[in-house]
């Protein structure tokens, strides 16, 4: 709605060259069908931004992210707004030339950490599917504007195109916003520790996190955020890390209460042609959730350790003809955790190691369950198997009593089956009860 409301055929949209894959797809493949041109520029370079804006008077919309997804590059929102205001003042004296609108995607920061309108932006957009929803159960977007006239125009397009949220989706977002501050603060605290750990580890070749890079970020934001990205120097190494993560779920999204991981070149940014893509193929993006920090670090440590040993139990050989039925994953996971505990990683940190499978989470130190010992047969229990002829007339009292099952016991059985087995179990039990009552009468 923002692009359609601000651009017409013949206009140009100027995008950051590190723009999110979905926005790149929308502008390069959809907007161009309507005669709207698209240009890319490094918005971290104010000189480059000024040069492009001054030479092209068809630009009516400048859209960028800060930080960018997933490289976390920082653009000076206030600096760009000042450049645009200067150029707009010149355009105001030239008659029919339209002014430039500054639009900022602030999804990575959320309104809790950054407010671009306060730094000169005209429009701020958020993918509400991410942090604002918070639980990955609703999709939508927010558009915030600096003046009523823009709001009126964009609202008209939303209404005409039918892109407004449904009442229920709106309620879900209102629910998510109530816990936004709590979620962001918790996830951000973990993200800072995880970024520091990755920076000191020998496998990542570069770590992208706002607390570690451009100081420009700190004059326009109040926090580092919850997203980290790093490279390993090898696509294969990155895939091993992704494949060995358990608490981090593989998905293209971010901003959930659940920690998420992906390789953007093959997922969220796969729609961008390789020759236009500005992200490394081996890049891994981590979205930190609200799980316990120690558990997240343990999961990441184990995944990184799996890349250092080809014989790691968690590194599965895809060339093996085995179907996997004979692999004891619980033992493989435990061995891997023990190896990490005894390695150099433990010397650098004092993180608690948790089991790496959901079924054994938080039970690393719990002994493995032992098979039950053979139960000693009671003197009052019937003998299994065929009973000798001489013993058939001497039935134990417990067996004799079962022949006269009370109505109360049968009804209780029906209720239990109805709850546990559902309708079918209840129906079968009801038939059995009906037959028993008919036989008694």
Protein backbone atom coordinates (compact mmCIF):
# COMPACT_ATOMS: atom_id res chain seq x y z
CA UNK A 1 0.00 0.00 0.00
CA UNK A 2 2.88 2.39 0.73
CA UNK A 3 4.52 1.89 -2.66
CA UNK A 4 1.24 2.02 -4.57
CA UNK A 5 0.11 5.16 -2.75
CA UNK A 6 3.36 7.07 -3.28
CA UNK A 7 4.47 5.94 -6.75
CA UNK A 8 2.97 6.10 -10.22
CA UNK A 9 4.11 4.84 -13.61
CA UNK A 10 7.39 6.53 -14.45
CA UNK A 11 8.37 7.09 -10.81
CA UNK A 12 11.39 5.44 -9.22
CA UNK A 13 11.69 3.66 -5.88
CA UNK A 14 15.15 3.89 -4.35
CA UNK A 15 15.90 0.87 -2.16
CA UNK A 16 18.78 -0.08 0.07
CA UNK A 17 20.96 -2.65 -1.69
CA UNK A 18 20.67 -4.82 1.43
CA UNK A 19 16.88 -4.81 1.50
CA UNK A 20 14.81 -7.72 2.78
CA UNK A 21 14.17 -10.40 0.16
CA UNK A 22 10.39 -9.99 0.25
CA UNK A 23 10.57 -6.25 -0.40
CA UNK A 24 13.09 -6.79 -3.19
CA UNK A 25 10.72 -9.29 -4.81
CA UNK A 26 7.72 -6.95 -4.47
CA UNK A 27 9.47 -3.99 -6.07
CA UNK A 28 11.53 -5.77 -8.73
CA UNK A 29 8.84 -8.19 -9.93
CA UNK A 30 5.50 -6.57 -9.12
CA UNK A 31 5.96 -2.80 -9.12
CA UNK A 32 7.92 -2.89 -12.36
CA UNK A 33 4.86 -4.40 -14.06
CA UNK A 34 3.09 -1.09 -13.38
CA UNK A 35 5.82 1.07 -14.86
CA UNK A 36 7.56 1.84 -11.55
CA UNK A 37 11.34 1.75 -11.78
CA UNK A 38 13.62 0.42 -9.02
CA UNK A 39 17.14 1.49 -8.10
CA UNK A 40 19.45 0.21 -5.39
CA UNK A 41 21.95 2.15 -3.28
CA UNK A 42 24.07 1.57 -0.22
CA UNK A 43 22.12 3.66 2.29
CA UNK A 44 24.94 3.34 4.82
CA UNK A 45 26.89 5.69 2.54
CA UNK A 46 25.36 9.17 2.83
CA UNK A 47 27.41 10.50 -0.07
CA UNK A 48 26.13 7.75 -2.36
CA UNK A 49 22.56 8.46 -1.27
CA UNK A 50 22.92 12.18 -1.98
CA UNK A 51 24.46 11.58 -5.41
CA UNK A 52 21.65 9.27 -6.54
CA UNK A 53 18.89 11.54 -5.27
CA UNK A 54 20.37 14.62 -6.92
CA UNK A 55 20.85 13.00 -10.32
CA UNK A 56 17.43 11.29 -10.55
CA UNK A 57 14.40 13.53 -10.14
CA UNK A 58 12.00 10.62 -10.77
CA UNK A 59 12.66 9.19 -7.31
CA UNK A 60 9.58 9.66 -5.14
CA UNK A 61 10.17 7.04 -2.46
CA UNK A 62 13.34 6.13 -0.57
CA UNK A 63 12.91 2.92 1.44
CA UNK A 64 15.53 1.27 3.60
CA UNK A 65 16.02 -0.76 6.78
CA UNK A 66 18.15 -0.02 9.81
CA UNK A 67 19.41 -2.42 10.90
CA UNK A 68 19.11 -4.43 7.71
CA UNK A 69 17.98 -8.02 7.60
CA UNK A 70 20.11 -10.11 7.84
CA UNK A 71 23.46 -8.27 7.60
CA UNK A 72 22.50 -5.72 10.29
CA UNK A 73 24.00 -2.81 8.37
CA UNK A 74 23.17 0.56 9.91
CA UNK A 75 21.88 3.59 8.05
CA UNK A 76 21.84 7.07 9.53
CA UNK A 77 18.10 7.82 9.56
CA UNK A 78 18.53 11.44 10.60
CA UNK A 79 21.34 12.01 8.10
CA UNK A 80 19.29 10.60 5.22
CA UNK A 81 16.25 12.64 6.27
CA UNK A 82 18.36 15.82 6.22
CA UNK A 83 19.61 15.05 2.70
CA UNK A 84 16.06 14.39 1.49
CA UNK A 85 14.74 17.57 3.09
CA UNK A 86 17.43 19.61 1.34
CA UNK A 87 16.61 18.05 -2.04
CA UNK A 88 12.87 18.48 -1.44
CA UNK A 89 13.43 22.17 -0.76
CA UNK A 90 15.11 22.46 -4.17
CA UNK A 91 12.31 20.49 -5.83
CA UNK A 92 9.76 22.81 -4.27
CA UNK A 93 11.08 25.62 -6.42
CA UNK A 94 10.98 23.58 -9.62
CA UNK A 95 7.23 23.35 -10.03
CA UNK A 96 5.83 19.92 -10.91
CA UNK A 97 8.63 17.76 -9.50
CA UNK A 98 7.26 15.59 -6.66
CA UNK A 99 8.92 15.44 -3.29
CA UNK A 100 10.66 12.36 -1.90
CA UNK A 101 9.08 10.35 0.88
CA UNK A 102 11.42 8.64 3.38
CA UNK A 103 10.21 5.20 4.45
CA UNK A 104 12.02 3.08 7.05
CA UNK A 105 11.47 -0.60 7.80
CA UNK A 106 12.10 -0.84 11.54
CA UNK A 107 10.97 -4.44 12.01
CA UNK A 108 14.31 -5.54 13.46
CA UNK A 109 14.16 -2.96 16.25
CA UNK A 110 10.42 -2.75 17.03
CA UNK A 111 8.88 0.49 18.35
CA UNK A 112 10.23 -0.43 21.78
CA UNK A 113 13.84 0.15 20.67
CA UNK A 114 13.64 2.60 17.77
CA UNK A 115 11.27 5.32 16.50
CA UNK A 116 12.43 6.52 13.06
CA UNK A 117 9.71 9.20 12.80
CA UNK A 118 11.45 11.02 15.65
CA UNK A 119 14.55 11.17 13.42
CA UNK A 120 12.88 12.55 10.31
CA UNK A 121 11.25 9.57 8.58
CA UNK A 122 7.86 10.12 6.93
CA UNK A 123 6.74 6.49 7.07
CA UNK A 124 7.73 3.55 9.27
CA UNK A 125 6.68 0.01 8.42
CA UNK A 126 6.81 -3.09 10.60
CA UNK A 127 6.29 -6.71 9.71
CA UNK A 128 3.95 -7.30 12.61
CA UNK A 129 4.27 -11.03 11.99
CA UNK A 130 7.60 -10.82 13.80
CA UNK A 131 8.07 -9.13 17.18
CA UNK A 132 4.71 -7.37 17.43
CA UNK A 133 2.78 -10.63 17.16
CA UNK A 134 5.52 -12.46 19.00
CA UNK A 135 4.19 -16.00 18.84
CA UNK A 136 4.27 -16.80 15.09
CA UNK A 137 0.54 -17.37 14.90
CA UNK A 138 -0.65 -14.32 12.92
CA UNK A 139 0.50 -12.46 9.80
CA UNK A 140 0.22 -8.75 9.15
CA UNK A 141 1.99 -5.42 8.86
CA UNK A 142 1.84 -1.96 10.42
CA UNK A 143 2.31 1.37 8.67
CA UNK A 144 3.05 4.40 10.87
CA UNK A 145 3.06 7.89 9.36
CA UNK A 146 4.26 11.32 10.39
CA UNK A 147 1.24 13.36 9.26
CA UNK A 148 -2.53 12.94 8.73
CA UNK A 149 -2.41 13.51 4.98
CA UNK A 150 -0.17 10.47 4.44
CA UNK A 151 -2.37 8.42 6.76
CA UNK A 152 -5.46 9.30 4.74
CA UNK A 153 -3.87 8.35 1.42
CA UNK A 154 -2.49 5.02 2.64
CA UNK A 155 -5.73 4.14 4.44
CA UNK A 156 -7.63 4.70 1.19
CA UNK A 157 -5.41 2.24 -0.67
CA UNK A 158 -5.67 -0.31 2.14
CA UNK A 159 -9.43 -0.13 2.04
CA UNK A 160 -9.60 -0.24 -1.75
CA UNK A 161 -7.22 -3.18 -2.06
CA UNK A 162 -8.65 -5.09 0.90
CA UNK A 163 -5.35 -5.32 2.74
CA UNK A 164 -6.67 -4.23 6.13
CA UNK A 165 -6.45 -6.66 9.06
CA UNK A 166 -9.39 -8.74 10.18
CA UNK A 167 -10.82 -8.07 13.68
CA UNK A 168 -9.44 -11.33 15.05
CA UNK A 169 -5.94 -10.71 13.66
CA UNK A 170 -6.06 -7.23 15.15
CA UNK A 171 -6.94 -8.73 18.52
CA UNK A 172 -4.01 -11.17 18.27
CA UNK A 173 -1.62 -8.30 17.58
CA UNK A 174 -3.01 -6.29 20.49
CA UNK A 175 -2.39 -9.32 22.67
CA UNK A 176 1.21 -9.58 21.44
CA UNK A 177 1.97 -5.88 21.91
CA UNK A 178 1.09 -6.17 25.60
CA UNK A 179 4.15 -8.38 26.17
CA UNK A 180 6.45 -6.75 23.60
CA UNK A 181 8.69 -4.99 26.11
CA UNK A 182 9.11 -8.08 28.28
CA UNK A 183 9.92 -10.31 25.32
CA UNK A 184 12.37 -7.91 23.71
CA UNK A 185 14.27 -7.22 26.94
CA UNK A 186 14.59 -10.92 27.72
CA UNK A 187 15.64 -11.92 24.21
CA UNK A 188 18.02 -8.98 23.86
CA UNK A 189 19.87 -9.90 27.06
CA UNK A 190 20.45 -13.40 25.68
CA UNK A 191 21.43 -12.04 22.26
CA UNK A 192 24.19 -9.90 23.76
CA UNK A 193 25.74 -12.91 25.49
CA UNK A 194 25.41 -15.15 22.44
CA UNK A 195 26.97 -12.52 20.16
CA UNK A 196 29.90 -12.13 22.55
CA UNK A 197 30.37 -15.90 22.64
CA UNK A 198 30.34 -16.16 18.82
CA UNK A 199 32.81 -13.32 18.52
CA UNK A 200 35.36 -15.22 20.62
CA UNK A 201 34.75 -18.61 18.99
CA UNK A 202 37.15 -19.85 16.32
CA UNK A 203 34.53 -21.06 13.80
CA UNK A 204 32.63 -17.84 12.91
CA UNK A 205 34.69 -15.72 10.52
CA UNK A 206 32.52 -12.64 11.09
CA UNK A 207 29.71 -11.76 13.50
CA UNK A 208 27.05 -9.14 12.73
CA UNK A 209 25.31 -7.62 15.74
CA UNK A 210 24.39 -4.02 16.41
CA UNK A 211 26.19 -3.88 19.75
CA UNK A 212 29.44 -4.83 18.02
CA UNK A 213 29.40 -2.53 15.01
CA UNK A 214 28.38 0.96 13.83
CA UNK A 215 28.06 3.55 16.63
CA UNK A 216 25.55 5.45 14.45
CA UNK A 217 23.00 2.93 15.65
CA UNK A 218 23.23 4.15 19.21
CA UNK A 219 22.19 7.70 18.43
CA UNK A 220 18.89 6.50 16.94
CA UNK A 221 18.08 3.33 18.91
CA UNK A 222 17.79 2.28 22.54
CA UNK A 223 19.04 -1.28 22.27
CA UNK A 224 20.88 -3.89 20.25
CA UNK A 225 17.92 -6.03 19.28
CA UNK A 226 17.56 -9.79 19.20
CA UNK A 227 18.94 -10.86 15.80
CA UNK A 228 22.50 -12.02 15.09
CA UNK A 229 24.11 -13.21 11.88
CA UNK A 230 27.51 -14.75 11.26
CA UNK A 231 29.56 -16.43 8.57
CA UNK A 232 31.72 -19.52 8.75
CA UNK A 233 33.65 -19.35 5.50
CA UNK A 234 31.98 -22.52 4.22
CA UNK A 235 28.43 -23.35 3.15
CA UNK A 236 28.95 -26.95 4.28
CA UNK A 237 30.05 -25.86 7.76
CA UNK A 238 27.05 -23.57 8.06
CA UNK A 239 24.72 -26.40 7.09
CA UNK A 240 26.23 -28.67 9.73
CA UNK A 241 25.58 -26.01 12.35
CA UNK A 242 21.98 -25.54 11.22
CA UNK A 243 21.38 -29.30 11.11
CA UNK A 244 22.70 -29.79 14.64
CA UNK A 245 20.64 -27.07 16.32
CA UNK A 246 17.69 -28.31 18.34
CA UNK A 247 16.35 -25.43 20.41
CA UNK A 248 16.74 -23.09 17.43
CA UNK A 249 14.02 -23.98 14.95
CA UNK A 250 14.69 -23.75 11.21
CA UNK A 251 12.40 -21.14 9.64
CA UNK A 252 12.49 -18.00 7.50
CA UNK A 253 10.88 -15.81 10.15
CA UNK A 254 12.27 -14.04 13.22
CA UNK A 255 11.05 -12.16 16.27
CA UNK A 256 9.23 -15.05 17.94
CA UNK A 257 9.33 -16.20 21.56
CA UNK A 258 11.00 -19.27 20.09
CA UNK A 259 14.62 -19.01 18.94
CA UNK A 260 14.92 -19.44 15.19
CA UNK A 261 17.74 -20.06 12.71
CA UNK A 262 18.15 -20.05 8.95
CA UNK A 263 20.57 -19.61 6.06
CA UNK A 264 19.06 -16.58 4.29
CA UNK A 265 20.63 -17.29 0.90
CA UNK A 266 18.53 -20.46 0.62
CA UNK A 267 15.40 -19.33 2.48
CA UNK A 268 14.29 -15.75 3.21
CA UNK A 269 16.44 -14.18 0.44
CA UNK A 270 16.37 -17.02 -2.06
CA UNK A 271 14.07 -15.03 -4.36
CA UNK A 272 16.84 -12.47 -5.00
CA UNK A 273 18.92 -13.46 -8.05
CA UNK A 274 22.40 -14.59 -7.06
CA UNK A 275 24.10 -11.79 -9.00
CA UNK A 276 22.04 -9.18 -7.10
CA UNK A 277 22.32 -10.80 -3.68
CA UNK A 278 24.53 -8.92 -1.22
CA UNK A 279 24.62 -11.60 1.47
CA UNK A 280 27.16 -14.44 1.69
CA UNK A 281 25.90 -17.93 0.87
CA UNK A 282 27.30 -19.26 4.15
CA UNK A 283 25.55 -16.65 6.31
CA UNK A 284 23.56 -17.93 9.30
CA UNK A 285 20.90 -15.77 10.93
CA UNK A 286 19.84 -16.37 14.52
CA UNK A 287 16.71 -14.86 16.02
CA UNK A 288 16.98 -15.12 19.78
CA UNK A 289 13.85 -16.01 21.73
CA UNK A 290 12.97 -16.01 25.40
CA UNK A 291 14.32 -19.45 26.30
CA UNK A 292 16.90 -19.77 29.06
CA UNK A 293 20.19 -18.24 27.93
CA UNK A 294 22.23 -21.17 29.20
CA UNK A 295 20.14 -23.63 27.19
CA UNK A 296 20.55 -21.58 24.01
CA UNK A 297 24.30 -21.33 24.52
CA UNK A 298 24.54 -25.06 25.14
CA UNK A 299 22.60 -25.79 21.96
CA UNK A 300 24.80 -23.47 19.93
CA UNK A 301 28.00 -24.81 21.49
CA UNK A 302 27.07 -28.37 20.59
CA UNK A 303 26.20 -27.39 17.01
CA UNK A 304 29.51 -25.58 16.58
CA UNK A 305 31.39 -28.51 18.08
CA UNK A 306 29.76 -30.83 15.54
CA UNK A 307 31.63 -29.03 12.76
CA UNK A 308 35.02 -29.75 14.33
CA UNK A 309 34.74 -33.51 14.29
CA UNK A 310 33.49 -35.43 11.22
CA UNK A 311 32.93 -38.42 13.51
CA UNK A 312 30.59 -36.49 15.79
CA UNK A 313 27.55 -38.62 16.64
CA UNK A 314 25.28 -35.78 15.55
CA UNK A 315 26.90 -35.45 12.13
CA UNK A 316 24.79 -37.87 10.05
CA UNK A 317 26.36 -39.39 6.95
CA UNK A 318 23.76 -39.09 4.21
CA UNK A 319 25.61 -41.61 2.08
CA UNK A 320 25.01 -44.39 4.59
CA UNK A 321 22.55 -47.06 3.36
CA UNK A 322 21.18 -47.41 6.87
CA UNK A 323 17.57 -46.31 7.30
CA UNK A 324 18.40 -44.83 10.68
CA UNK A 325 16.27 -47.29 12.64
CA UNK A 326 19.37 -48.70 14.32
CA UNK A 327 20.71 -45.31 15.45
CA UNK A 328 20.26 -44.47 19.13
CA UNK A 329 19.81 -40.70 18.92
CA UNK A 330 19.60 -40.26 22.68
CA UNK A 331 23.03 -41.83 23.12
CA UNK A 332 24.45 -39.81 20.22
CA UNK A 333 23.19 -36.60 21.75
CA UNK A 334 24.52 -37.45 25.19
CA UNK A 335 27.94 -38.33 23.79
CA UNK A 336 28.10 -35.04 21.96
CA UNK A 337 27.23 -33.08 25.09
CA UNK A 338 29.82 -34.94 27.10
CA UNK A 339 32.43 -34.18 24.42
CA UNK A 340 31.63 -30.49 24.60
CA UNK A 341 31.83 -30.57 28.38
CA UNK A 342 35.28 -32.03 28.26
CA UNK A 343 36.57 -29.76 25.50
CA UNK A 344 38.07 -26.30 25.37
CA UNK A 345 34.69 -24.64 25.12
CA UNK A 346 33.94 -25.38 28.75
CA UNK A 347 37.16 -23.65 29.81
CA UNK A 348 35.99 -20.39 28.23
CA UNK A 349 32.49 -20.45 29.64
CA UNK A 350 30.57 -21.88 32.53
CA UNK A 351 27.39 -22.63 30.67
CA UNK A 352 25.00 -25.33 31.81
CA UNK A 353 24.61 -28.15 29.32
CA UNK A 354 21.12 -29.49 28.67
CA UNK A 355 20.09 -32.57 26.73
CA UNK A 356 19.62 -31.86 23.03
CA UNK A 357 16.40 -33.66 22.28
CA UNK A 358 12.96 -32.43 23.35
CA UNK A 359 12.14 -35.73 25.00
CA UNK A 360 15.17 -35.47 27.29
CA UNK A 361 15.37 -31.72 27.77
CA UNK A 362 16.73 -30.69 31.16
CA UNK A 363 17.49 -34.31 31.98
CA UNK A 364 21.15 -34.58 30.99
CA UNK A 365 22.24 -35.81 34.39
CA UNK A 366 19.28 -38.10 34.90
CA UNK A 367 20.21 -41.80 34.62
CA UNK A 368 18.81 -43.67 31.67
CA UNK A 369 15.63 -45.58 32.49
CA UNK A 370 16.21 -49.27 33.15
CA UNK A 371 13.84 -51.98 31.94
CA UNK A 372 11.50 -53.13 34.69
CA UNK A 373 12.51 -56.24 36.59
CA UNK A 374 10.45 -59.36 36.00
CA UNK A 375 7.42 -59.24 38.26
CA UNK A 376 7.14 -62.07 40.77
CA UNK A 377 3.93 -63.99 40.28
CA UNK A 378 1.50 -63.83 43.18
CA UNK A 379 0.11 -66.97 44.69
CA UNK A 380 -3.42 -65.70 44.02
CA UNK A 381 -2.85 -64.94 40.31
CA UNK A 382 -3.92 -67.38 37.61
CA UNK A 383 -1.20 -69.33 35.93
CA UNK A 384 -0.50 -68.12 32.37
CA UNK A 385 -0.79 -70.67 29.60
CA UNK A 386 -2.81 -73.87 29.55
CA UNK A 387 -3.92 -75.03 32.97
CA UNK A 388 -3.60 -78.70 33.84
CA UNK A 389 -6.89 -80.55 33.90
CA UNK A 390 -6.66 -81.26 37.59
CA UNK A 391 -6.41 -77.56 38.45
CA UNK A 392 -9.20 -76.14 36.22
CA UNK A 393 -11.97 -76.45 38.84
CA UNK A 394 -9.90 -74.56 41.45
CA UNK A 395 -10.09 -70.89 40.32
CA UNK A 396 -8.56 -68.11 42.46
CA UNK A 397 -10.98 -65.83 44.26
CA UNK A 398 -9.83 -62.78 42.27
CA UNK A 399 -10.80 -64.41 38.98
CA UNK A 400 -14.16 -65.58 40.30
CA UNK A 401 -15.03 -62.06 41.44
CA UNK A 402 -14.45 -60.63 37.95
CA UNK A 403 -17.42 -62.59 36.60
CA UNK A 404 -19.78 -60.38 38.59
CA UNK A 405 -18.61 -56.95 37.52
CA UNK A 406 -20.82 -54.27 39.04
CA UNK A 407 -22.76 -51.72 36.99
CA UNK A 408 -20.79 -48.90 38.65
CA UNK A 409 -17.47 -50.36 37.48
CA UNK A 410 -18.77 -50.77 33.93
CA UNK A 411 -20.08 -47.20 33.75
CA UNK A 412 -16.71 -45.93 35.04
CA UNK A 413 -15.02 -47.92 32.30
CA UNK A 414 -17.30 -46.32 29.70
CA UNK A 415 -16.46 -42.83 30.97
CA UNK A 416 -12.72 -43.55 30.96
CA UNK A 417 -12.78 -44.90 27.44
CA UNK A 418 -14.86 -41.98 26.22
CA UNK A 419 -12.28 -39.55 27.56
CA UNK A 420 -9.16 -41.43 26.51
CA UNK A 421 -10.26 -43.14 23.36
CA UNK A 422 -12.70 -40.55 22.13
CA UNK A 423 -16.00 -41.28 20.48
CA UNK A 424 -15.09 -44.71 19.11
CA UNK A 425 -13.90 -46.01 22.47
CA UNK A 426 -17.01 -44.70 24.20
CA UNK A 427 -19.27 -46.19 21.54
CA UNK A 428 -17.73 -49.64 21.84
CA UNK A 429 -17.92 -49.52 25.62
CA UNK A 430 -21.55 -48.43 25.41
CA UNK A 431 -22.38 -51.43 23.21
CA UNK A 432 -20.67 -53.74 25.68
CA UNK A 433 -22.67 -52.21 28.56
CA UNK A 434 -25.93 -52.60 26.67
CA UNK A 435 -25.26 -56.27 26.00
CA UNK A 436 -24.31 -56.89 29.64
CA UNK A 437 -27.48 -55.23 30.91
CA UNK A 438 -29.61 -57.27 28.46
CA UNK A 439 -27.98 -60.48 29.65
CA UNK A 440 -28.62 -59.56 33.32
CA UNK A 441 -32.29 -58.90 32.65
